[in-house]
N, C-alpha and C. Protein backbone atom coordinates (compact mmCIF):
# COMPACT_ATOMS: atom_id res chain seq x y z
N MET A 1 14.15 2.98 6.19
CA MET A 1 13.13 1.96 6.21
C MET A 1 12.98 1.41 4.80
N ARG A 2 12.84 0.11 4.69
CA ARG A 2 12.60 -0.55 3.42
C ARG A 2 11.09 -0.70 3.24
N ALA A 3 10.62 -0.32 2.08
CA ALA A 3 9.20 -0.46 1.77
C ALA A 3 9.05 -1.22 0.46
N ARG A 4 7.98 -1.98 0.38
CA ARG A 4 7.64 -2.69 -0.86
C ARG A 4 6.26 -2.22 -1.28
N VAL A 5 6.11 -1.99 -2.56
CA VAL A 5 4.83 -1.59 -3.11
C VAL A 5 4.44 -2.64 -4.14
N LEU A 6 3.34 -3.32 -3.90
CA LEU A 6 2.81 -4.33 -4.81
C LEU A 6 1.77 -3.65 -5.69
N ILE A 7 1.98 -3.69 -6.99
CA ILE A 7 1.10 -3.00 -7.93
C ILE A 7 0.47 -4.05 -8.84
N ARG A 8 -0.87 -4.00 -8.95
CA ARG A 8 -1.62 -4.97 -9.74
C ARG A 8 -2.68 -4.25 -10.56
N PRO A 9 -3.09 -4.85 -11.67
CA PRO A 9 -4.21 -4.27 -12.42
C PRO A 9 -5.48 -4.30 -11.57
N LYS A 10 -6.30 -3.26 -11.69
CA LYS A 10 -7.58 -3.25 -10.99
C LYS A 10 -8.48 -4.35 -11.53
N ALA A 11 -9.41 -4.78 -10.71
CA ALA A 11 -10.39 -5.76 -11.15
C ALA A 11 -11.15 -5.21 -12.36
N GLY A 12 -11.31 -6.03 -13.37
CA GLY A 12 -12.04 -5.61 -14.56
C GLY A 12 -11.18 -4.97 -15.63
N ILE A 13 -9.90 -4.73 -15.33
CA ILE A 13 -8.98 -4.14 -16.30
C ILE A 13 -8.30 -5.28 -17.07
N LEU A 14 -8.23 -5.16 -18.38
CA LEU A 14 -7.60 -6.17 -19.22
C LEU A 14 -6.15 -6.38 -18.80
N ASP A 15 -5.76 -7.63 -18.63
CA ASP A 15 -4.41 -7.99 -18.21
C ASP A 15 -3.85 -9.01 -19.21
N PRO A 16 -3.33 -8.55 -20.35
CA PRO A 16 -2.85 -9.49 -21.37
C PRO A 16 -1.71 -10.37 -20.89
N GLN A 17 -0.83 -9.87 -20.02
CA GLN A 17 0.25 -10.70 -19.50
C GLN A 17 -0.31 -11.82 -18.63
N GLY A 18 -1.26 -11.49 -17.79
CA GLY A 18 -1.89 -12.50 -16.96
C GLY A 18 -2.60 -13.55 -17.79
N GLN A 19 -3.28 -13.14 -18.85
CA GLN A 19 -3.96 -14.08 -19.73
C GLN A 19 -2.97 -15.00 -20.44
N ALA A 20 -1.85 -14.45 -20.88
CA ALA A 20 -0.83 -15.26 -21.54
C ALA A 20 -0.27 -16.32 -20.58
N VAL A 21 -0.01 -15.93 -19.35
CA VAL A 21 0.50 -16.88 -18.36
C VAL A 21 -0.56 -17.94 -18.06
N GLU A 22 -1.81 -17.51 -17.93
CA GLU A 22 -2.90 -18.46 -17.64
C GLU A 22 -3.05 -19.49 -18.76
N ARG A 23 -2.87 -19.07 -20.01
CA ARG A 23 -2.95 -20.01 -21.14
C ARG A 23 -1.73 -20.91 -21.22
N ALA A 24 -0.56 -20.39 -20.85
CA ALA A 24 0.68 -21.16 -20.98
C ALA A 24 0.84 -22.23 -19.91
N LEU A 25 0.36 -21.99 -18.71
CA LEU A 25 0.57 -22.95 -17.62
C LEU A 25 0.00 -24.34 -17.93
N PRO A 26 -1.25 -24.47 -18.42
CA PRO A 26 -1.74 -25.81 -18.76
C PRO A 26 -0.91 -26.47 -19.87
N ALA A 27 -0.40 -25.69 -20.82
CA ALA A 27 0.44 -26.25 -21.87
C ALA A 27 1.74 -26.81 -21.31
N LEU A 28 2.16 -26.34 -20.15
CA LEU A 28 3.37 -26.83 -19.49
C LEU A 28 3.07 -27.93 -18.48
N GLY A 29 1.81 -28.34 -18.41
CA GLY A 29 1.45 -29.44 -17.52
C GLY A 29 0.91 -29.03 -16.17
N PHE A 30 0.66 -27.76 -15.96
CA PHE A 30 0.11 -27.29 -14.69
C PHE A 30 -1.39 -27.10 -14.85
N SER A 31 -2.17 -27.74 -13.98
CA SER A 31 -3.62 -27.62 -14.09
C SER A 31 -4.20 -26.92 -12.87
N GLY A 32 -5.47 -26.54 -12.99
CA GLY A 32 -6.16 -25.93 -11.87
C GLY A 32 -5.77 -24.49 -11.60
N VAL A 33 -5.31 -23.77 -12.62
CA VAL A 33 -4.89 -22.38 -12.45
C VAL A 33 -5.93 -21.48 -13.11
N ALA A 34 -6.35 -20.44 -12.41
CA ALA A 34 -7.34 -19.51 -12.96
C ALA A 34 -7.09 -18.12 -12.40
N ASN A 35 -7.62 -17.12 -13.06
CA ASN A 35 -7.55 -15.73 -12.61
C ASN A 35 -6.12 -15.27 -12.34
N VAL A 36 -5.25 -15.46 -13.32
CA VAL A 36 -3.85 -15.05 -13.18
C VAL A 36 -3.74 -13.56 -13.49
N HIS A 37 -3.05 -12.84 -12.63
CA HIS A 37 -2.79 -11.42 -12.84
C HIS A 37 -1.29 -11.18 -12.66
N VAL A 38 -0.72 -10.43 -13.57
CA VAL A 38 0.71 -10.11 -13.49
C VAL A 38 0.82 -8.65 -13.06
N GLY A 39 1.58 -8.42 -12.03
CA GLY A 39 1.81 -7.06 -11.54
C GLY A 39 3.30 -6.83 -11.40
N ARG A 40 3.65 -5.92 -10.52
CA ARG A 40 5.06 -5.66 -10.28
C ARG A 40 5.27 -5.30 -8.81
N LEU A 41 6.49 -5.49 -8.39
CA LEU A 41 6.89 -5.18 -7.02
C LEU A 41 7.98 -4.14 -7.07
N VAL A 42 7.79 -3.03 -6.36
CA VAL A 42 8.79 -1.97 -6.28
C VAL A 42 9.30 -1.95 -4.85
N GLU A 43 10.61 -2.07 -4.69
CA GLU A 43 11.24 -1.98 -3.37
C GLU A 43 12.04 -0.69 -3.30
N LEU A 44 11.91 0.00 -2.19
CA LEU A 44 12.67 1.24 -2.04
C LEU A 44 12.95 1.51 -0.57
N ASP A 45 14.06 2.17 -0.33
CA ASP A 45 14.42 2.63 1.01
C ASP A 45 13.99 4.08 1.11
N VAL A 46 13.21 4.38 2.14
CA VAL A 46 12.71 5.75 2.33
C VAL A 46 13.00 6.19 3.76
N GLN A 47 13.26 7.48 3.91
CA GLN A 47 13.47 8.04 5.24
C GLN A 47 12.13 8.40 5.88
N ASP A 48 11.17 8.83 5.05
CA ASP A 48 9.87 9.28 5.55
C ASP A 48 8.77 8.46 4.90
N SER A 49 8.28 7.46 5.62
CA SER A 49 7.27 6.56 5.04
C SER A 49 5.92 7.23 4.83
N THR A 50 5.73 8.41 5.39
CA THR A 50 4.45 9.11 5.18
C THR A 50 4.32 9.59 3.73
N GLN A 51 5.41 9.59 2.99
CA GLN A 51 5.37 10.02 1.60
C GLN A 51 5.05 8.89 0.62
N LEU A 52 5.01 7.67 1.10
CA LEU A 52 4.79 6.52 0.22
C LEU A 52 3.47 6.61 -0.56
N GLU A 53 2.42 6.99 0.11
CA GLU A 53 1.12 7.10 -0.55
C GLU A 53 1.18 8.08 -1.73
N ALA A 54 1.78 9.23 -1.50
CA ALA A 54 1.91 10.23 -2.57
C ALA A 54 2.80 9.72 -3.70
N MET A 55 3.86 8.99 -3.37
CA MET A 55 4.73 8.42 -4.40
C MET A 55 3.95 7.47 -5.30
N CYS A 56 3.12 6.66 -4.68
CA CYS A 56 2.31 5.70 -5.44
C CYS A 56 1.31 6.43 -6.34
N GLU A 57 0.63 7.40 -5.79
CA GLU A 57 -0.40 8.13 -6.54
C GLU A 57 0.19 8.93 -7.69
N ARG A 58 1.38 9.46 -7.51
CA ARG A 58 1.95 10.37 -8.51
C ARG A 58 2.90 9.71 -9.50
N LEU A 59 3.52 8.57 -9.12
CA LEU A 59 4.52 8.00 -10.01
C LEU A 59 4.51 6.48 -10.10
N LEU A 60 4.51 5.80 -8.97
CA LEU A 60 4.73 4.36 -8.99
C LEU A 60 3.59 3.56 -9.61
N ALA A 61 2.37 4.00 -9.40
CA ALA A 61 1.21 3.29 -9.93
C ALA A 61 0.34 4.25 -10.73
N ASN A 62 -0.40 3.70 -11.66
CA ASN A 62 -1.38 4.49 -12.39
C ASN A 62 -2.73 4.24 -11.72
N PRO A 63 -3.21 5.17 -10.90
CA PRO A 63 -4.42 4.93 -10.11
C PRO A 63 -5.68 4.72 -10.95
N LEU A 64 -5.63 5.03 -12.22
CA LEU A 64 -6.80 4.80 -13.07
C LEU A 64 -6.99 3.32 -13.38
N VAL A 65 -5.90 2.57 -13.52
CA VAL A 65 -6.00 1.17 -13.92
C VAL A 65 -5.30 0.21 -12.98
N GLU A 66 -4.62 0.73 -11.94
CA GLU A 66 -3.88 -0.14 -11.05
C GLU A 66 -4.23 0.11 -9.59
N ASP A 67 -4.21 -0.96 -8.83
CA ASP A 67 -4.30 -0.88 -7.37
C ASP A 67 -2.90 -1.12 -6.82
N TYR A 68 -2.64 -0.60 -5.64
CA TYR A 68 -1.34 -0.83 -5.02
C TYR A 68 -1.53 -1.11 -3.53
N GLU A 69 -0.54 -1.81 -3.00
CA GLU A 69 -0.52 -2.14 -1.58
C GLU A 69 0.87 -1.84 -1.07
N ILE A 70 0.97 -1.06 -0.02
CA ILE A 70 2.25 -0.70 0.58
C ILE A 70 2.55 -1.65 1.72
N ILE A 71 3.72 -2.27 1.66
CA ILE A 71 4.15 -3.20 2.70
C ILE A 71 5.44 -2.64 3.29
N GLU A 72 5.37 -2.17 4.51
CA GLU A 72 6.53 -1.57 5.16
C GLU A 72 7.23 -2.61 6.02
N SER A 73 8.56 -2.53 6.06
CA SER A 73 9.33 -3.39 6.95
C SER A 73 10.46 -2.56 7.55
N ALA A 74 10.97 -3.01 8.66
CA ALA A 74 12.02 -2.27 9.36
C ALA A 74 13.33 -2.33 8.64
């Protein structure tokens, strides 16, 4: 099974990459952009999807400063 894990900074956590992108977009001519957050996407093939939660908690995400969302596909 292919799984995707979307990892983002928690609300209220400083996101310097997101701030840099938010400042750069208007300089490139894009307007109306706000609240930019930069995260990461981890894709992995797993045999046992019941282990995904533990993988996220122990390695893939830092639960103190990041939220994650598991997206499973066949």
